[in-house]
Protein backbone atom coordinates (compact mmCIF):
# COMPACT_ATOMS: atom_id res chain seq x y z
CA MET A 1 0.00 0.00 0.00
CA GLN A 2 1.33 3.44 -0.94
CA ARG A 3 2.48 5.73 1.86
CA LEU A 4 -0.04 8.46 2.69
CA ASP A 5 1.15 12.03 2.03
CA THR A 6 0.23 13.97 5.20
CA ARG A 7 2.40 17.06 4.72
CA LEU A 8 -0.59 19.41 4.60
CA GLU A 9 -2.09 17.86 7.71
CA ALA A 10 1.24 18.15 9.54
CA GLU A 11 1.39 21.83 8.62
CA GLY A 12 -2.21 22.18 9.79
CA ALA A 13 -1.29 20.57 13.13
CA GLU A 14 1.26 23.33 13.71
CA PHE A 15 -1.45 25.93 13.17
CA LEU A 16 -3.83 24.01 15.45
CA VAL A 17 -1.23 24.12 18.23
CA LEU A 18 -0.55 27.81 17.54
CA GLY A 19 -4.28 28.48 17.86
CA GLN A 20 -4.50 26.54 21.13
CA LEU A 21 -1.56 28.47 22.56
CA LEU A 22 -3.17 31.78 21.66
CA LEU A 23 -6.54 30.65 23.08
CA HIS A 24 -4.70 29.83 26.33
CA LYS A 25 -3.32 33.39 26.33
CA ILE A 26 0.22 32.28 25.49
CA ALA A 27 1.77 34.73 23.03
CA SER A 28 3.25 32.59 20.25
CA TYR A 29 4.35 32.58 16.64
CA LYS A 30 5.21 30.07 13.93
CA THR A 31 8.82 29.84 12.79
CA TYR A 32 10.01 29.59 9.22
CA THR A 33 9.36 26.22 7.58
CA ASN A 34 11.80 23.42 8.40
CA MET A 35 13.49 25.14 11.33
CA PRO A 36 15.59 22.35 12.89
CA GLY A 37 14.33 21.30 16.32
CA TYR A 38 11.22 23.43 16.73
CA ASP A 39 8.17 24.77 14.88
CA LEU A 40 6.68 27.37 17.24
CA VAL A 41 7.96 29.84 19.79
CA ALA A 42 5.90 30.81 22.84
CA THR A 43 6.90 33.99 24.62
CA ASN A 44 6.29 35.99 27.77
CA PRO A 45 7.52 39.56 27.24
CA GLU A 46 7.08 40.35 30.94
CA SER A 47 9.49 37.64 32.10
CA ASN A 48 11.60 37.91 28.92
CA LYS A 49 11.38 34.13 28.46
CA SER A 50 10.57 32.00 25.46
CA ALA A 51 9.84 28.33 24.86
CA MET A 52 10.70 26.47 21.66
CA ILE A 53 7.99 23.98 20.75
CA GLN A 54 8.22 21.05 18.36
CA VAL A 55 4.92 19.78 16.96
CA LYS A 56 4.61 16.10 16.11
CA SER A 57 1.37 14.95 14.50
CA ARG A 58 -0.15 11.61 13.62
CA TRP A 59 -2.91 11.44 11.03
CA ARG A 60 -4.54 8.08 11.85
CA THR A 61 -7.17 7.66 14.54
CA GLY A 62 -5.72 5.53 17.34
CA ALA A 63 -2.07 6.30 16.53
CA ALA A 64 0.05 5.25 19.49
CA ALA A 65 3.58 6.38 18.57
CA PHE A 66 5.40 9.21 16.83
CA PRO A 67 8.88 9.57 15.32
CA ILE A 68 11.24 12.19 16.71
CA LYS A 69 14.96 12.67 16.15
CA ASN A 70 15.80 16.28 17.01
CA LEU A 71 15.20 17.23 20.65
CA GLY A 72 16.42 20.83 20.33
CA CYS A 73 13.33 22.30 21.97
CA ASP A 74 11.73 22.92 25.36
CA PHE A 75 8.41 21.17 24.66
CA VAL A 76 7.06 18.54 22.29
CA VAL A 77 3.36 18.86 21.53
CA VAL A 78 1.96 15.64 20.08
CA VAL A 79 -1.20 16.18 18.07
CA LEU A 80 -3.25 13.09 17.37
CA LEU A 81 -5.30 14.36 14.44
CA ASN A 82 -7.68 11.35 14.49
CA ARG A 83 -8.58 11.63 10.79
CA GLY A 84 -9.70 8.01 10.44
CA SER A 85 -7.69 5.39 8.54
CA LYS A 86 -6.66 4.72 4.95
CA ASP A 87 -9.11 1.83 4.74
CA GLY A 88 -11.96 3.98 6.10
CA LYS A 89 -12.66 1.68 9.06
CA LYS A 90 -11.59 4.05 11.83
CA GLU A 91 -13.80 6.88 13.01
CA VAL A 92 -12.85 10.53 12.47
CA ARG A 93 -12.69 12.31 15.83
CA PRO A 94 -11.51 15.68 17.17
CA PRO A 95 -7.76 16.10 17.68
CA SER A 96 -6.04 15.31 20.99
CA TYR A 97 -3.10 17.32 22.32
CA TYR A 98 -0.29 16.10 24.59
CA ILE A 99 2.12 18.71 25.93
CA PHE A 100 5.40 17.11 27.01
CA PRO A 101 8.44 18.86 28.48
CA VAL A 102 11.32 17.68 26.29
CA GLU A 103 12.95 15.85 29.24
CA ILE A 104 9.99 13.43 29.28
CA ILE A 105 10.54 12.56 25.61
CA ARG A 106 14.31 12.45 26.05
CA SER A 107 13.95 9.83 28.82
CA ALA A 108 11.39 7.71 26.91
CA PRO A 109 12.63 4.66 25.00
CA ARG A 110 12.93 5.24 21.24
CA SER A 111 13.10 2.75 18.40
CA LYS A 112 16.28 2.44 16.38
CA GLY A 113 16.25 4.19 13.02
CA TRP A 114 13.02 6.19 13.10
CA GLY A 115 13.36 7.13 16.76
CA LYS A 116 9.70 6.37 17.44
CA VAL A 117 8.33 7.04 20.91
CA SER A 118 5.32 5.04 22.03
CA LEU A 119 2.81 6.92 24.17
CA LYS A 120 2.35 3.81 26.33
CA ASP A 121 6.04 4.03 27.26
CA ILE A 122 5.59 7.50 28.76
CA PRO A 123 4.70 7.23 32.46
CA ASP A 124 1.39 8.93 33.33
CA CYS A 125 0.94 9.93 29.68
CA ARG A 126 -2.70 11.05 30.20
CA GLU A 127 -1.55 13.70 32.70
CA TYR A 128 0.02 15.59 29.78
CA GLU A 129 -3.17 15.73 27.71
CA GLU A 130 -4.29 19.36 27.30
CA SER A 131 -1.59 20.43 29.81
CA TRP A 132 -1.04 23.88 28.29
CA HIS A 133 -0.32 25.19 31.80
CA LEU A 134 3.12 23.55 31.63
CA ILE A 135 4.15 26.05 28.96
CA THR A 136 2.60 28.95 30.88
CA GLU A 137 4.49 27.95 34.03
CA PHE A 138 7.74 27.50 32.09
CA LEU A 139 7.39 31.05 30.78
CA GLY A 140 7.00 32.36 34.33
CA ASP A 141 3.43 33.63 34.04
CA GLN A 142 2.20 34.23 37.58
CA ASN A 143 -1.43 34.25 36.39
CA ALA A 144 -1.33 30.60 35.24
């Protein structure tokens, strides 16, 4: 079966995360395309701090792992887009967001070659779902 081209969806995932950051009152912007190590930058002008964010997305509903090689960031946001499956058997659902400090991903086991991280190998993985406050706290926002 031919590999699915999900470049547009991956780009869309970056904008979804950017939108979520802004909705959570975290000033952020998208970097130039193919910036090594990160896709978005969140800032707090009051504390003069910034956070580099890498967005990793998975197209298929029920995806349980994601590839990552470059850990030159402060946070990895995993977006499970939940767009169904190539064979049409899986249900399309709203996206899920997991906000991981990079140390969590760095300490997780990764496969050889692709460097895939399985969500089941991340302790207390569900605690990171929708955890936008981690970025706010990192930036030193006292109103978090």
